[in-house]
């Protein structure tokens, strides 16, 4: 839901006309519009067909740990 700053996100899935969800058809979307209502940012994140399971969680934990060592001089773009 937009909190007044032109940003919105949503969780979605695809389904048949009968209401049955397609497998691997879920995802997240994030959008941002400027003060004129023009779309200036869009990000679609579909559900992966292959799930890494507990190995993916371990990899995410490792990534979070390693981020502690990234110098403050390195900046990442704001969304």
C-alpha atoms as a PDB file:
ATOM      1  CA  UNK A   1       0.000   0.000   0.000  1.00  0.00           C
ATOM      2  CA  UNK A   2       1.277   3.462  -0.898  1.00  0.00           C
ATOM      3  CA  UNK A   3       2.103   5.504   2.203  1.00  0.00           C
ATOM      4  CA  UNK A   4       2.105   8.767   0.243  1.00  0.00           C
ATOM      5  CA  UNK A   5       5.588   8.473  -1.241  1.00  0.00           C
ATOM      6  CA  UNK A   6       4.580   6.787  -4.512  1.00  0.00           C
ATOM      7  CA  UNK A   7       5.834   3.314  -3.568  1.00  0.00           C
ATOM      8  CA  UNK A   8       3.797   0.140  -3.551  1.00  0.00           C
ATOM      9  CA  UNK A   9       4.477  -3.582  -3.347  1.00  0.00           C
ATOM     10  CA  UNK A  10       2.277  -6.588  -3.875  1.00  0.00           C
ATOM     11  CA  UNK A  11       2.320 -10.364  -3.618  1.00  0.00           C
ATOM     12  CA  UNK A  12       0.649 -12.146  -6.544  1.00  0.00           C
ATOM     13  CA  UNK A  13      -0.100 -15.507  -8.133  1.00  0.00           C
ATOM     14  CA  UNK A  14      -1.621 -16.738 -11.398  1.00  0.00           C
ATOM     15  CA  UNK A  15      -4.686 -18.954 -11.471  1.00  0.00           C
ATOM     16  CA  UNK A  16      -7.103 -20.576 -13.871  1.00  0.00           C
ATOM     17  CA  UNK A  17     -10.578 -19.097 -14.493  1.00  0.00           C
ATOM     18  CA  UNK A  18     -11.819 -21.758 -12.059  1.00  0.00           C
ATOM     19  CA  UNK A  19      -9.584 -20.301  -9.338  1.00  0.00           C
ATOM     20  CA  UNK A  20      -6.926 -23.031  -9.227  1.00  0.00           C
ATOM     21  CA  UNK A  21      -3.395 -21.659  -8.784  1.00  0.00           C
ATOM     22  CA  UNK A  22      -0.726 -22.586 -11.340  1.00  0.00           C
ATOM     23  CA  UNK A  23       2.362 -24.173  -9.781  1.00  0.00           C
ATOM     24  CA  UNK A  24       5.393 -21.876  -9.504  1.00  0.00           C
ATOM     25  CA  UNK A  25       3.315 -18.837 -10.469  1.00  0.00           C
ATOM     26  CA  UNK A  26       3.734 -16.686  -7.373  1.00  0.00           C
ATOM     27  CA  UNK A  27       5.831 -13.589  -7.009  1.00  0.00           C
ATOM     28  CA  UNK A  28       6.394 -10.125  -5.596  1.00  0.00           C
ATOM     29  CA  UNK A  29       6.286  -6.788  -7.386  1.00  0.00           C
ATOM     30  CA  UNK A  30       7.512  -3.377  -6.272  1.00  0.00           C
ATOM     31  CA  UNK A  31       6.710  -0.115  -8.067  1.00  0.00           C
ATOM     32  CA  UNK A  32       7.484   3.576  -7.624  1.00  0.00           C
ATOM     33  CA  UNK A  33       5.912   6.550  -9.395  1.00  0.00           C
ATOM     34  CA  UNK A  34       7.009  10.179  -9.430  1.00  0.00           C
ATOM     35  CA  UNK A  35       4.821  13.160  -8.512  1.00  0.00           C
ATOM     36  CA  UNK A  36       3.323  13.134 -12.044  1.00  0.00           C
ATOM     37  CA  UNK A  37       2.263   9.506 -11.729  1.00  0.00           C
ATOM     38  CA  UNK A  38       4.975   8.316 -14.148  1.00  0.00           C
ATOM     39  CA  UNK A  39       6.403   4.875 -13.374  1.00  0.00           C
ATOM     40  CA  UNK A  40      10.068   5.378 -12.455  1.00  0.00           C
ATOM     41  CA  UNK A  41      10.901   1.984 -10.943  1.00  0.00           C
ATOM     42  CA  UNK A  42       9.538  -1.536 -11.316  1.00  0.00           C
ATOM     43  CA  UNK A  43      10.860  -4.790  -9.921  1.00  0.00           C
ATOM     44  CA  UNK A  44       9.267  -8.180 -10.601  1.00  0.00           C
ATOM     45  CA  UNK A  45      10.468 -11.084  -8.466  1.00  0.00           C
ATOM     46  CA  UNK A  46       8.984 -14.396  -9.623  1.00  0.00           C
ATOM     47  CA  UNK A  47       8.999 -17.528  -7.495  1.00  0.00           C
ATOM     48  CA  UNK A  48      11.967 -19.722  -8.453  1.00  0.00           C
ATOM     49  CA  UNK A  49      11.079 -23.091  -9.971  1.00  0.00           C
ATOM     50  CA  UNK A  50      13.981 -24.734  -8.116  1.00  0.00           C
ATOM     51  CA  UNK A  51      14.105 -24.217  -4.356  1.00  0.00           C
ATOM     52  CA  UNK A  52      17.507 -24.398  -2.622  1.00  0.00           C
ATOM     53  CA  UNK A  53      16.005 -25.574   0.699  1.00  0.00           C
ATOM     54  CA  UNK A  54      18.164 -25.499   3.819  1.00  0.00           C
ATOM     55  CA  UNK A  55      21.299 -24.974   1.696  1.00  0.00           C
ATOM     56  CA  UNK A  56      19.871 -21.646   0.557  1.00  0.00           C
ATOM     57  CA  UNK A  57      19.252 -20.588   4.157  1.00  0.00           C
ATOM     58  CA  UNK A  58      22.844 -21.431   5.078  1.00  0.00           C
ATOM     59  CA  UNK A  59      24.073 -19.423   2.084  1.00  0.00           C
ATOM     60  CA  UNK A  60      21.920 -16.445   3.107  1.00  0.00           C
ATOM     61  CA  UNK A  61      23.340 -16.587   6.641  1.00  0.00           C
ATOM     62  CA  UNK A  62      26.861 -16.651   5.227  1.00  0.00           C
ATOM     63  CA  UNK A  63      26.061 -13.631   3.035  1.00  0.00           C
ATOM     64  CA  UNK A  64      24.690 -11.717   6.025  1.00  0.00           C
ATOM     65  CA  UNK A  65      27.830 -12.527   8.006  1.00  0.00           C
ATOM     66  CA  UNK A  66      30.119 -11.410   5.166  1.00  0.00           C
ATOM     67  CA  UNK A  67      28.213  -8.119   4.776  1.00  0.00           C
ATOM     68  CA  UNK A  68      29.605  -7.106   8.186  1.00  0.00           C
ATOM     69  CA  UNK A  69      33.010  -6.807   6.539  1.00  0.00           C
ATOM     70  CA  UNK A  70      31.943  -4.554   3.638  1.00  0.00           C
ATOM     71  CA  UNK A  71      33.544  -1.117   4.146  1.00  0.00           C
ATOM     72  CA  UNK A  72      31.206   1.801   4.832  1.00  0.00           C
ATOM     73  CA  UNK A  73      32.706   3.568   1.808  1.00  0.00           C
ATOM     74  CA  UNK A  74      30.865   1.124  -0.475  1.00  0.00           C
ATOM     75  CA  UNK A  75      27.317   2.267  -1.100  1.00  0.00           C
ATOM     76  CA  UNK A  76      24.380   0.372  -2.533  1.00  0.00           C
ATOM     77  CA  UNK A  77      21.588   1.968  -4.605  1.00  0.00           C
ATOM     78  CA  UNK A  78      18.406   2.853  -2.744  1.00  0.00           C
ATOM     79  CA  UNK A  79      15.173   1.414  -4.063  1.00  0.00           C
END
